[in-house]
PDB file of N, CA and C in Angstrom:
ATOM      1  N   MET A   1      -2.366 -31.290  -7.030  1.00  0.00           N
ATOM      2  CA  MET A   1      -1.887 -29.926  -7.111  1.00  0.00           C
ATOM      3  C   MET A   1      -0.392 -29.868  -6.838  1.00  0.00           C
ATOM      4  N   ASP A   2       0.184 -28.892  -7.368  1.00  0.00           N
ATOM      5  CA  ASP A   2       1.607 -28.682  -7.198  1.00  0.00           C
ATOM      6  C   ASP A   2       1.864 -28.115  -5.798  1.00  0.00           C
ATOM      7  N   SER A   3       2.885 -28.605  -5.142  1.00  0.00           N
ATOM      8  CA  SER A   3       3.167 -28.163  -3.770  1.00  0.00           C
ATOM      9  C   SER A   3       3.564 -26.689  -3.718  1.00  0.00           C
ATOM     10  N   SER A   4       4.184 -26.185  -4.754  1.00  0.00           N
ATOM     11  CA  SER A   4       4.560 -24.767  -4.754  1.00  0.00           C
ATOM     12  C   SER A   4       3.314 -23.883  -4.822  1.00  0.00           C
ATOM     13  N   THR A   5       2.276 -24.323  -5.509  1.00  0.00           N
ATOM     14  CA  THR A   5       1.013 -23.575  -5.578  1.00  0.00           C
ATOM     15  C   THR A   5       0.348 -23.536  -4.213  1.00  0.00           C
ATOM     16  N   ILE A   6       0.339 -24.652  -3.520  1.00  0.00           N
ATOM     17  CA  ILE A   6      -0.262 -24.723  -2.187  1.00  0.00           C
ATOM     18  C   ILE A   6       0.496 -23.822  -1.219  1.00  0.00           C
ATOM     19  N   ILE A   7       1.808 -23.890  -1.260  1.00  0.00           N
ATOM     20  CA  ILE A   7       2.631 -23.067  -0.366  1.00  0.00           C
ATOM     21  C   ILE A   7       2.411 -21.588  -0.646  1.00  0.00           C
ATOM     22  N   SER A   8       2.338 -21.209  -1.908  1.00  0.00           N
ATOM     23  CA  SER A   8       2.132 -19.791  -2.233  1.00  0.00           C
ATOM     24  C   SER A   8       0.750 -19.322  -1.773  1.00  0.00           C
ATOM     25  N   ARG A   9      -0.267 -20.159  -1.888  1.00  0.00           N
ATOM     26  CA  ARG A   9      -1.607 -19.792  -1.414  1.00  0.00           C
ATOM     27  C   ARG A   9      -1.642 -19.648   0.103  1.00  0.00           C
ATOM     28  N   VAL A  10      -0.963 -20.520   0.798  1.00  0.00           N
ATOM     29  CA  VAL A  10      -0.912 -20.442   2.266  1.00  0.00           C
ATOM     30  C   VAL A  10      -0.194 -19.170   2.698  1.00  0.00           C
ATOM     31  N   ILE A  11       0.906 -18.869   2.065  1.00  0.00           N
ATOM     32  CA  ILE A  11       1.654 -17.644   2.389  1.00  0.00           C
ATOM     33  C   ILE A  11       0.813 -16.411   2.093  1.00  0.00           C
ATOM     34  N   ALA A  12       0.151 -16.406   0.953  1.00  0.00           N
ATOM     35  CA  ALA A  12      -0.700 -15.269   0.599  1.00  0.00           C
ATOM     36  C   ALA A  12      -1.847 -15.106   1.597  1.00  0.00           C
ATOM     37  N   SER A  13      -2.413 -16.206   2.034  1.00  0.00           N
ATOM     38  CA  SER A  13      -3.488 -16.156   3.025  1.00  0.00           C
ATOM     39  C   SER A  13      -3.001 -15.608   4.357  1.00  0.00           C
ATOM     40  N   LEU A  14      -1.840 -16.030   4.790  1.00  0.00           N
ATOM     41  CA  LEU A  14      -1.276 -15.537   6.048  1.00  0.00           C
ATOM     42  C   LEU A  14      -0.973 -14.043   5.985  1.00  0.00           C
ATOM     43  N   ILE A  15      -0.434 -13.603   4.880  1.00  0.00           N
ATOM     44  CA  ILE A  15      -0.148 -12.175   4.707  1.00  0.00           C
ATOM     45  C   ILE A  15      -1.441 -11.371   4.713  1.00  0.00           C
ATOM     46  N   SER A  16      -2.469 -11.897   4.062  1.00  0.00           N
ATOM     47  CA  SER A  16      -3.767 -11.222   4.029  1.00  0.00           C
ATOM     48  C   SER A  16      -4.357 -11.092   5.434  1.00  0.00           C
ATOM     49  N   ILE A  17      -4.259 -12.138   6.229  1.00  0.00           N
ATOM     50  CA  ILE A  17      -4.763 -12.100   7.611  1.00  0.00           C
ATOM     51  C   ILE A  17      -3.993 -11.078   8.430  1.00  0.00           C
ATOM     52  N   MET A  18      -2.685 -11.029   8.262  1.00  0.00           N
ATOM     53  CA  MET A  18      -1.870 -10.063   9.003  1.00  0.00           C
ATOM     54  C   MET A  18      -2.232  -8.637   8.602  1.00  0.00           C
ATOM     55  N   GLN A  19      -2.432  -8.388   7.327  1.00  0.00           N
ATOM     56  CA  GLN A  19      -2.796  -7.053   6.865  1.00  0.00           C
ATOM     57  C   GLN A  19      -4.173  -6.649   7.382  1.00  0.00           C
ATOM     58  N   ALA A  20      -5.104  -7.579   7.426  1.00  0.00           N
ATOM     59  CA  ALA A  20      -6.447  -7.284   7.918  1.00  0.00           C
ATOM     60  C   ALA A  20      -6.415  -6.938   9.402  1.00  0.00           C
ATOM     61  N   SER A  21      -5.622  -7.664  10.185  1.00  0.00           N
ATOM     62  CA  SER A  21      -5.556  -7.360  11.620  1.00  0.00           C
ATOM     63  C   SER A  21      -4.856  -6.030  11.849  1.00  0.00           C
ATOM     64  N   ASN A  22      -3.864  -5.709  11.038  1.00  0.00           N
ATOM     65  CA  ASN A  22      -3.183  -4.424  11.146  1.00  0.00           C
ATOM     66  C   ASN A  22      -4.144  -3.279  10.809  1.00  0.00           C
ATOM     67  N   LEU A  23      -4.945  -3.465   9.783  1.00  0.00           N
ATOM     68  CA  LEU A  23      -5.930  -2.455   9.398  1.00  0.00           C
ATOM     69  C   LEU A  23      -6.972  -2.272  10.495  1.00  0.00           C
ATOM     70  N   ARG A  24      -7.412  -3.360  11.096  1.00  0.00           N
ATOM     71  CA  ARG A  24      -8.377  -3.288  12.200  1.00  0.00           C
ATOM     72  C   ARG A  24      -7.799  -2.510  13.371  1.00  0.00           C
ATOM     73  N   ASN A  25      -6.551  -2.768  13.725  1.00  0.00           N
ATOM     74  CA  ASN A  25      -5.907  -2.058  14.823  1.00  0.00           C
ATOM     75  C   ASN A  25      -5.778  -0.571  14.521  1.00  0.00           C
ATOM     76  N   ARG A  26      -5.446  -0.228  13.281  1.00  0.00           N
ATOM     77  CA  ARG A  26      -5.345   1.185  12.895  1.00  0.00           C
ATOM     78  C   ARG A  26      -6.703   1.865  12.969  1.00  0.00           C
ATOM     79  N   LEU A  27      -7.763   1.157  12.588  1.00  0.00           N
ATOM     80  CA  LEU A  27      -9.118   1.696  12.670  1.00  0.00           C
ATOM     81  C   LEU A  27      -9.483   2.003  14.120  1.00  0.00           C
ATOM     82  N   TYR A  28      -9.215   1.072  15.033  1.00  0.00           N
ATOM     83  CA  TYR A  28      -9.515   1.301  16.445  1.00  0.00           C
ATOM     84  C   TYR A  28      -8.710   2.474  16.992  1.00  0.00           C
ATOM     85  N   LEU A  29      -7.464   2.606  16.585  1.00  0.00           N
ATOM     86  CA  LEU A  29      -6.636   3.716  17.038  1.00  0.00           C
ATOM     87  C   LEU A  29      -7.208   5.048  16.547  1.00  0.00           C
ATOM     88  N   GLN A  30      -7.651   5.093  15.292  1.00  0.00           N
ATOM     89  CA  GLN A  30      -8.255   6.316  14.759  1.00  0.00           C
ATOM     90  C   GLN A  30      -9.541   6.659  15.504  1.00  0.00           C
ATOM     91  N   GLU A  31     -10.349   5.655  15.824  1.00  0.00           N
ATOM     92  CA  GLU A  31     -11.576   5.898  16.570  1.00  0.00           C
ATOM     93  C   GLU A  31     -11.270   6.488  17.946  1.00  0.00           C
ATOM     94  N   GLN A  32     -10.230   5.993  18.594  1.00  0.00           N
ATOM     95  CA  GLN A  32      -9.833   6.524  19.898  1.00  0.00           C
ATOM     96  C   GLN A  32      -9.357   7.964  19.770  1.00  0.00           C
ATOM     97  N   ARG A  33      -8.589   8.266  18.734  1.00  0.00           N
ATOM     98  CA  ARG A  33      -8.112   9.638  18.528  1.00  0.00           C
ATOM     99  C   ARG A  33      -9.269  10.598  18.273  1.00  0.00           C
ATOM    100  N   ILE A  34     -10.239  10.164  17.481  1.00  0.00           N
ATOM    101  CA  ILE A  34     -11.400  11.010  17.189  1.00  0.00           C
ATOM    102  C   ILE A  34     -12.191  11.267  18.463  1.00  0.00           C
ATOM    103  N   GLU A  35     -12.361  10.240  19.268  1.00  0.00           N
ATOM    104  CA  GLU A  35     -13.089  10.398  20.533  1.00  0.00           C
ATOM    105  C   GLU A  35     -12.389  11.407  21.448  1.00  0.00           C
ATOM    106  N   LYS A  36     -11.071  11.324  21.542  1.00  0.00           N
ATOM    107  CA  LYS A  36     -10.317  12.273  22.377  1.00  0.00           C
ATOM    108  C   LYS A  36     -10.440  13.691  21.838  1.00  0.00           C
ATOM    109  N   MET A  37     -10.405  13.841  20.510  1.00  0.00           N
ATOM    110  CA  MET A  37     -10.530  15.164  19.913  1.00  0.00           C
ATOM    111  C   MET A  37     -11.914  15.753  20.182  1.00  0.00           C
ATOM    112  N   GLN A  38     -12.949  14.929  20.098  1.00  0.00           N
ATOM    113  CA  GLN A  38     -14.301  15.406  20.356  1.00  0.00           C
ATOM    114  C   GLN A  38     -14.466  15.841  21.803  1.00  0.00           C
ATOM    115  N   VAL A  39     -13.881  15.106  22.729  1.00  0.00           N
ATOM    116  CA  VAL A  39     -13.939  15.484  24.141  1.00  0.00           C
ATOM    117  C   VAL A  39     -13.208  16.803  24.358  1.00  0.00           C
ATOM    118  N   ALA A  40     -12.057  16.950  23.722  1.00  0.00           N
ATOM    119  CA  ALA A  40     -11.295  18.198  23.860  1.00  0.00           C
ATOM    120  C   ALA A  40     -12.077  19.376  23.283  1.00  0.00           C
ATOM    121  N   LEU A  41     -12.715  19.189  22.132  1.00  0.00           N
ATOM    122  CA  LEU A  41     -13.514  20.254  21.537  1.00  0.00           C
ATOM    123  C   LEU A  41     -14.695  20.624  22.433  1.00  0.00           C
ATOM    124  N   ASP A  42     -15.329  19.615  23.019  1.00  0.00           N
ATOM    125  CA  ASP A  42     -16.430  19.895  23.951  1.00  0.00           C
ATOM    126  C   ASP A  42     -15.941  20.708  25.141  1.00  0.00           C
ATOM    127  N   ASP A  43     -14.780  20.347  25.672  1.00  0.00           N
ATOM    128  CA  ASP A  43     -14.217  21.084  26.806  1.00  0.00           C
ATOM    129  C   ASP A  43     -13.887  22.524  26.425  1.00  0.00           C
ATOM    130  N   ILE A  44     -13.261  22.706  25.267  1.00  0.00           N
ATOM    131  CA  ILE A  44     -12.911  24.061  24.816  1.00  0.00           C
ATOM    132  C   ILE A  44     -14.170  24.887  24.610  1.00  0.00           C
ATOM    133  N   HIS A  45     -15.184  24.286  24.007  1.00  0.00           N
ATOM    134  CA  HIS A  45     -16.445  24.992  23.776  1.00  0.00           C
ATOM    135  C   HIS A  45     -17.100  25.378  25.106  1.00  0.00           C
ATOM    136  N   ARG A  46     -17.122  24.460  26.044  1.00  0.00           N
ATOM    137  CA  ARG A  46     -17.722  24.729  27.353  1.00  0.00           C
ATOM    138  C   ARG A  46     -16.975  25.837  28.082  1.00  0.00           C
ATOM    139  N   ILE A  47     -15.657  25.780  28.078  1.00  0.00           N
ATOM    140  CA  ILE A  47     -14.863  26.804  28.751  1.00  0.00           C
ATOM    141  C   ILE A  47     -15.079  28.158  28.089  1.00  0.00           C
ATOM    142  N   ASN A  48     -15.095  28.181  26.754  1.00  0.00           N
ATOM    143  CA  ASN A  48     -15.287  29.431  26.030  1.00  0.00           C
ATOM    144  C   ASN A  48     -16.686  30.000  26.293  1.00  0.00           C
ATOM    145  N   ALA A  49     -17.701  29.144  26.290  1.00  0.00           N
ATOM    146  CA  ALA A  49     -19.076  29.606  26.488  1.00  0.00           C
ATOM    147  C   ALA A  49     -19.292  30.134  27.908  1.00  0.00           C
ATOM    148  N   ASN A  50     -18.592  29.581  28.881  1.00  0.00           N
ATOM    149  CA  ASN A  50     -18.773  29.990  30.274  1.00  0.00           C
ATOM    150  C   ASN A  50     -17.882  31.162  30.682  1.00  0.00           C
ATOM    151  N   SER A  51     -17.057  31.648  29.776  1.00  0.00           N
ATOM    152  CA  SER A  51     -16.187  32.782  30.114  1.00  0.00           C
ATOM    153  C   SER A  51     -16.998  34.077  30.087  1.00  0.00           C
ATOM    154  N   THR A  52     -16.448  35.108  30.687  1.00  0.00           N
ATOM    155  CA  THR A  52     -17.158  36.393  30.739  1.00  0.00           C
ATOM    156  C   THR A  52     -17.262  37.037  29.365  1.00  0.00           C
ATOM    157  N   ALA A  53     -16.290  36.801  28.511  1.00  0.00           N
ATOM    158  CA  ALA A  53     -16.327  37.343  27.150  1.00  0.00           C
ATOM    159  C   ALA A  53     -15.971  36.218  26.174  1.00  0.00           C
ATOM    160  N   PRO A  54     -16.957  35.418  25.751  1.00  0.00           N
ATOM    161  CA  PRO A  54     -16.667  34.302  24.828  1.00  0.00           C
ATOM    162  C   PRO A  54     -16.032  34.796  23.528  1.00  0.00           C
ATOM    163  N   ASN A  55     -15.059  34.075  23.091  1.00  0.00           N
ATOM    164  CA  ASN A  55     -14.327  34.422  21.874  1.00  0.00           C
ATOM    165  C   ASN A  55     -15.084  33.873  20.667  1.00  0.00           C
ATOM    166  N   ALA A  56     -15.499  34.759  19.771  1.00  0.00           N
ATOM    167  CA  ALA A  56     -16.254  34.352  18.587  1.00  0.00           C
ATOM    168  C   ALA A  56     -15.406  33.508  17.645  1.00  0.00           C
ATOM    169  N   LEU A  57     -14.112  33.765  17.583  1.00  0.00           N
ATOM    170  CA  LEU A  57     -13.227  32.990  16.710  1.00  0.00           C
ATOM    171  C   LEU A  57     -13.193  31.528  17.155  1.00  0.00           C
ATOM    172  N   ILE A  58     -13.070  31.303  18.446  1.00  0.00           N
ATOM    173  CA  ILE A  58     -13.047  29.929  18.967  1.00  0.00           C
ATOM    174  C   ILE A  58     -14.367  29.237  18.675  1.00  0.00           C
ATOM    175  N   SER A  59     -15.472  29.946  18.905  1.00  0.00           N
ATOM    176  CA  SER A  59     -16.790  29.371  18.633  1.00  0.00           C
ATOM    177  C   SER A  59     -16.935  29.013  17.158  1.00  0.00           C
ATOM    178  N   GLY A  60     -16.485  29.887  16.275  1.00  0.00           N
ATOM    179  CA  GLY A  60     -16.566  29.626  14.843  1.00  0.00           C
ATOM    180  C   GLY A  60     -15.740  28.427  14.419  1.00  0.00           C
ATOM    181  N   ILE A  61     -14.554  28.314  14.960  1.00  0.00           N
ATOM    182  CA  ILE A  61     -13.676  27.180  14.618  1.00  0.00           C
ATOM    183  C   ILE A  61     -14.315  25.872  15.064  1.00  0.00           C
ATOM    184  N   ILE A  62     -14.828  25.857  16.276  1.00  0.00           N
ATOM    185  CA  ILE A  62     -15.439  24.641  16.794  1.00  0.00           C
ATOM    186  C   ILE A  62     -16.673  24.257  15.962  1.00  0.00           C
ATOM    187  N   ASP A  63     -17.480  25.248  15.601  1.00  0.00           N
ATOM    188  CA  ASP A  63     -18.653  24.975  14.781  1.00  0.00           C
ATOM    189  C   ASP A  63     -18.266  24.406  13.423  1.00  0.00           C
ATOM    190  N   ARG A  64     -17.217  24.940  12.802  1.00  0.00           N
ATOM    191  CA  ARG A  64     -16.761  24.431  11.498  1.00  0.00           C
ATOM    192  C   ARG A  64     -16.206  23.020  11.611  1.00  0.00           C
ATOM    193  N   ILE A  65     -15.498  22.738  12.684  1.00  0.00           N
ATOM    194  CA  ILE A  65     -14.928  21.406  12.849  1.00  0.00           C
ATOM    195  C   ILE A  65     -16.032  20.368  13.059  1.00  0.00           C
ATOM    196  N   ARG A  66     -17.015  20.719  13.841  1.00  0.00           N
ATOM    197  CA  ARG A  66     -18.110  19.798  14.109  1.00  0.00           C
ATOM    198  C   ARG A  66     -18.999  19.589  12.885  1.00  0.00           C
ATOM    199  N   GLY A  67     -18.991  20.538  11.990  1.00  0.00           N
ATOM    200  CA  GLY A  67     -19.745  20.406  10.745  1.00  0.00           C
ATOM    201  C   GLY A  67     -21.146  20.798  10.929  1.00  0.00           C
TER     202      GLY A  67
END
């Protein structure tokens, strides 16, 4: 085999590995953000439900976000 072909395959493989690890890290970061948002929504819902006059707009927004 030609040495330039081997070198190009090695470089392409290294770039692919770097991109895959970057994508994995971004996925974990998104999962953490979603978890924090869900906790915040639960807190807002709990506070709204326990108030003397629950706000229907807040309840509706939370219900739509949760799906």
